[in-house]
Protein backbone atom coordinates (compact mmCIF):
# COMPACT_ATOMS: atom_id res chain seq x y z
CA MET A 1 22.33 -0.51 -8.90
CA ASN A 2 21.31 2.67 -7.07
CA ARG A 3 18.36 2.00 -4.77
CA THR A 4 16.64 4.85 -3.00
CA PRO A 5 14.04 3.28 -0.71
CA SER A 6 11.11 5.42 0.30
CA GLY A 7 10.82 6.48 3.90
CA PHE A 8 8.05 6.06 6.44
CA THR A 9 6.44 9.47 5.95
CA GLU A 10 5.87 9.10 2.20
CA ARG A 11 4.59 5.56 2.59
CA LEU A 12 2.19 6.56 5.36
CA LEU A 13 0.87 9.60 3.49
CA ALA A 14 0.45 7.58 0.29
CA SER A 15 -1.47 4.91 2.21
CA LEU A 16 -3.73 7.48 3.86
CA THR A 17 -4.33 9.12 0.48
CA ASP A 18 -5.27 5.77 -1.07
CA PHE A 19 -7.56 5.02 1.87
CA PHE A 20 -9.51 8.26 1.49
CA LEU A 21 -9.57 8.17 -2.33
CA ILE A 22 -11.17 4.72 -2.16
CA PHE A 23 -13.06 4.87 1.15
CA LEU A 24 -15.08 8.01 0.44
CA PRO A 25 -16.47 6.94 -2.96
CA VAL A 26 -17.17 3.39 -1.71
CA ASN A 27 -18.88 4.75 1.39
CA PHE A 28 -20.92 7.13 -0.78
CA VAL A 29 -22.11 4.24 -2.95
CA MET A 30 -23.01 2.25 0.16
CA TYR A 31 -24.87 5.30 1.50
CA VAL A 32 -26.88 5.61 -1.72
CA LYS A 33 -27.61 1.89 -1.62
CA SER A 34 -28.50 1.58 2.08
CA GLY A 35 -29.30 5.13 3.20
CA VAL A 36 -26.81 4.82 6.06
CA PHE A 37 -23.44 6.60 6.17
CA SER A 38 -21.16 4.80 8.60
CA VAL A 39 -17.45 4.83 9.24
CA ASP A 40 -17.90 1.30 10.62
CA GLN A 41 -18.11 0.04 7.04
CA ALA A 42 -14.32 0.38 6.81
CA ALA A 43 -14.03 -2.52 9.26
CA GLY A 44 -16.25 -4.82 7.20
CA VAL A 45 -15.34 -7.64 4.87
CA THR A 46 -16.66 -5.78 1.82
CA TRP A 47 -14.25 -2.92 2.49
CA GLN A 48 -11.33 -5.31 3.04
CA VAL A 49 -12.01 -7.01 -0.31
CA ILE A 50 -12.30 -3.69 -2.17
CA ASP A 51 -9.18 -2.29 -0.51
CA ALA A 52 -7.11 -5.43 -1.13
CA ALA A 53 -8.29 -5.59 -4.75
CA TYR A 54 -7.36 -1.93 -5.33
CA LEU A 55 -3.94 -2.28 -3.68
CA THR A 56 -3.25 -5.49 -5.61
CA LEU A 57 -4.54 -4.68 -9.08
CA VAL A 58 -3.78 -0.97 -9.59
CA PRO A 59 0.01 -1.39 -9.18
CA LEU A 60 -0.11 -4.21 -11.73
CA VAL A 61 -1.58 -2.03 -14.44
CA TRP A 62 0.15 1.19 -13.39
CA GLY A 63 3.79 0.09 -13.04
CA GLY A 64 3.93 -0.23 -9.25
CA TYR A 65 1.91 2.89 -8.46
CA THR A 66 -1.35 3.45 -6.64
CA LEU A 67 -2.90 6.92 -6.75
CA GLY A 68 -1.35 7.77 -3.40
CA LYS A 69 2.08 6.46 -4.37
CA TRP A 70 1.90 8.39 -7.65
CA LEU A 71 1.10 11.62 -5.80
CA PHE A 72 4.08 11.10 -3.49
CA LYS A 73 6.33 9.93 -6.34
CA ILE A 74 7.09 6.51 -4.90
CA ASN A 75 6.38 3.08 -6.35
CA ILE A 76 6.61 -0.63 -5.64
CA ARG A 77 9.37 -2.63 -7.31
CA GLN A 78 10.62 -6.19 -7.20
CA MET A 79 14.11 -6.52 -5.77
CA ASP A 80 15.45 -6.85 -9.34
CA GLU A 81 13.87 -3.45 -10.20
CA GLN A 82 11.13 -4.98 -12.36
CA ALA A 83 7.51 -3.88 -11.98
CA PRO A 84 5.63 -6.10 -9.51
CA SER A 85 3.93 -9.23 -10.82
CA LEU A 86 0.52 -10.61 -9.81
CA LYS A 87 2.30 -13.09 -7.53
CA ASN A 88 4.26 -10.26 -5.85
CA MET A 89 1.15 -8.18 -5.30
CA LEU A 90 -0.96 -11.07 -3.97
CA LEU A 91 1.80 -12.03 -1.55
CA ARG A 92 2.31 -8.40 -0.54
CA GLU A 93 -1.28 -7.27 -0.09
CA VAL A 94 -3.33 -10.38 0.65
CA VAL A 95 -0.84 -12.55 2.55
CA GLY A 96 1.58 -9.94 3.93
CA LYS A 97 -0.97 -7.33 4.92
CA VAL A 98 -4.51 -8.69 5.25
CA LEU A 99 -3.92 -12.26 6.46
CA LEU A 100 -0.89 -11.47 8.59
CA THR A 101 -2.68 -8.54 10.22
CA TYR A 102 -5.56 -10.81 11.24
CA LEU A 103 -3.26 -13.62 12.39
CA THR A 104 -1.15 -11.29 14.55
CA PHE A 105 -4.04 -9.08 15.73
CA GLY A 106 -2.37 -6.06 14.11
CA LEU A 107 1.05 -6.57 15.68
CA SER A 108 2.61 -7.13 12.25
CA ASN A 109 1.57 -3.59 11.24
CA ILE A 110 3.38 -2.09 14.21
CA ILE A 111 6.49 -4.18 13.57
CA SER A 112 6.39 -3.22 9.87
CA ALA A 113 6.22 0.48 10.75
CA PHE A 114 9.31 0.17 12.93
CA MET A 115 11.08 -1.80 10.19
CA VAL A 116 10.43 0.97 7.66
CA ILE A 117 11.56 3.62 10.15
CA PHE A 118 14.74 1.92 11.37
CA ARG A 119 15.96 -0.48 8.67
CA GLU A 120 18.37 0.94 6.12
CA ASP A 121 16.52 -0.78 3.24
CA LYS A 122 13.11 0.46 4.57
CA ARG A 123 11.44 -2.89 3.86
CA ALA A 124 8.43 -4.01 5.89
CA ILE A 125 7.26 -7.55 6.61
CA HIS A 126 4.99 -7.58 3.55
CA ASP A 127 7.95 -6.47 1.40
CA PHE A 128 10.00 -9.46 2.56
CA ILE A 129 7.11 -11.86 1.95
CA ALA A 130 6.59 -10.52 -1.59
CA GLY A 131 10.20 -9.79 -2.56
CA THR A 132 9.44 -6.10 -3.08
CA TYR A 133 10.43 -2.69 -1.81
CA VAL A 134 9.07 0.84 -2.19
CA ARG A 135 11.37 3.38 -3.80
CA TYR A 136 11.46 6.99 -4.83
CA ASP A 137 10.90 7.24 -8.55
CA GLU A 138 14.14 8.77 -9.82
CA ARG A 139 12.33 10.36 -12.77
CA PHE A 140 10.90 12.83 -10.26
CA LYS A 141 14.18 13.51 -8.45
CA GLY A 142 14.11 16.92 -6.84
CA SER A 143 10.34 17.27 -7.02
CA ARG A 144 9.20 15.13 -4.09
CA MET A 145 6.14 16.27 -2.15
CA VAL A 146 7.65 15.47 1.27
């Protein structure tokens, strides 16, 4: 089986893209509702729930892609190359990212970044918890954005 794990740059850019594609519309709706536009809303519980729901549910219905991952031609897969399941995505996003980030005061994010940069398989802590990895989609070979 030929695995081509995605590198740090694509994963970071895809995450930033997802953040802005979700954050700006959500913040706009909150502005219309409250009359206040604040970047502080991204630190709130409402944002965390919306973000975790997006990052959990979209890859389930879109074969391992989020909008950011689709733009950078990378996707999430189980270690057996199957599309991620609900269990995988809940473990990955809710347990491996949200809960672990709070429990370690963000240290797990730093460690995960170094794991993706330096490990040959490019798997982060949340990938190990969920049994997933992020790969280049071979259908787009030769047409990567980065």
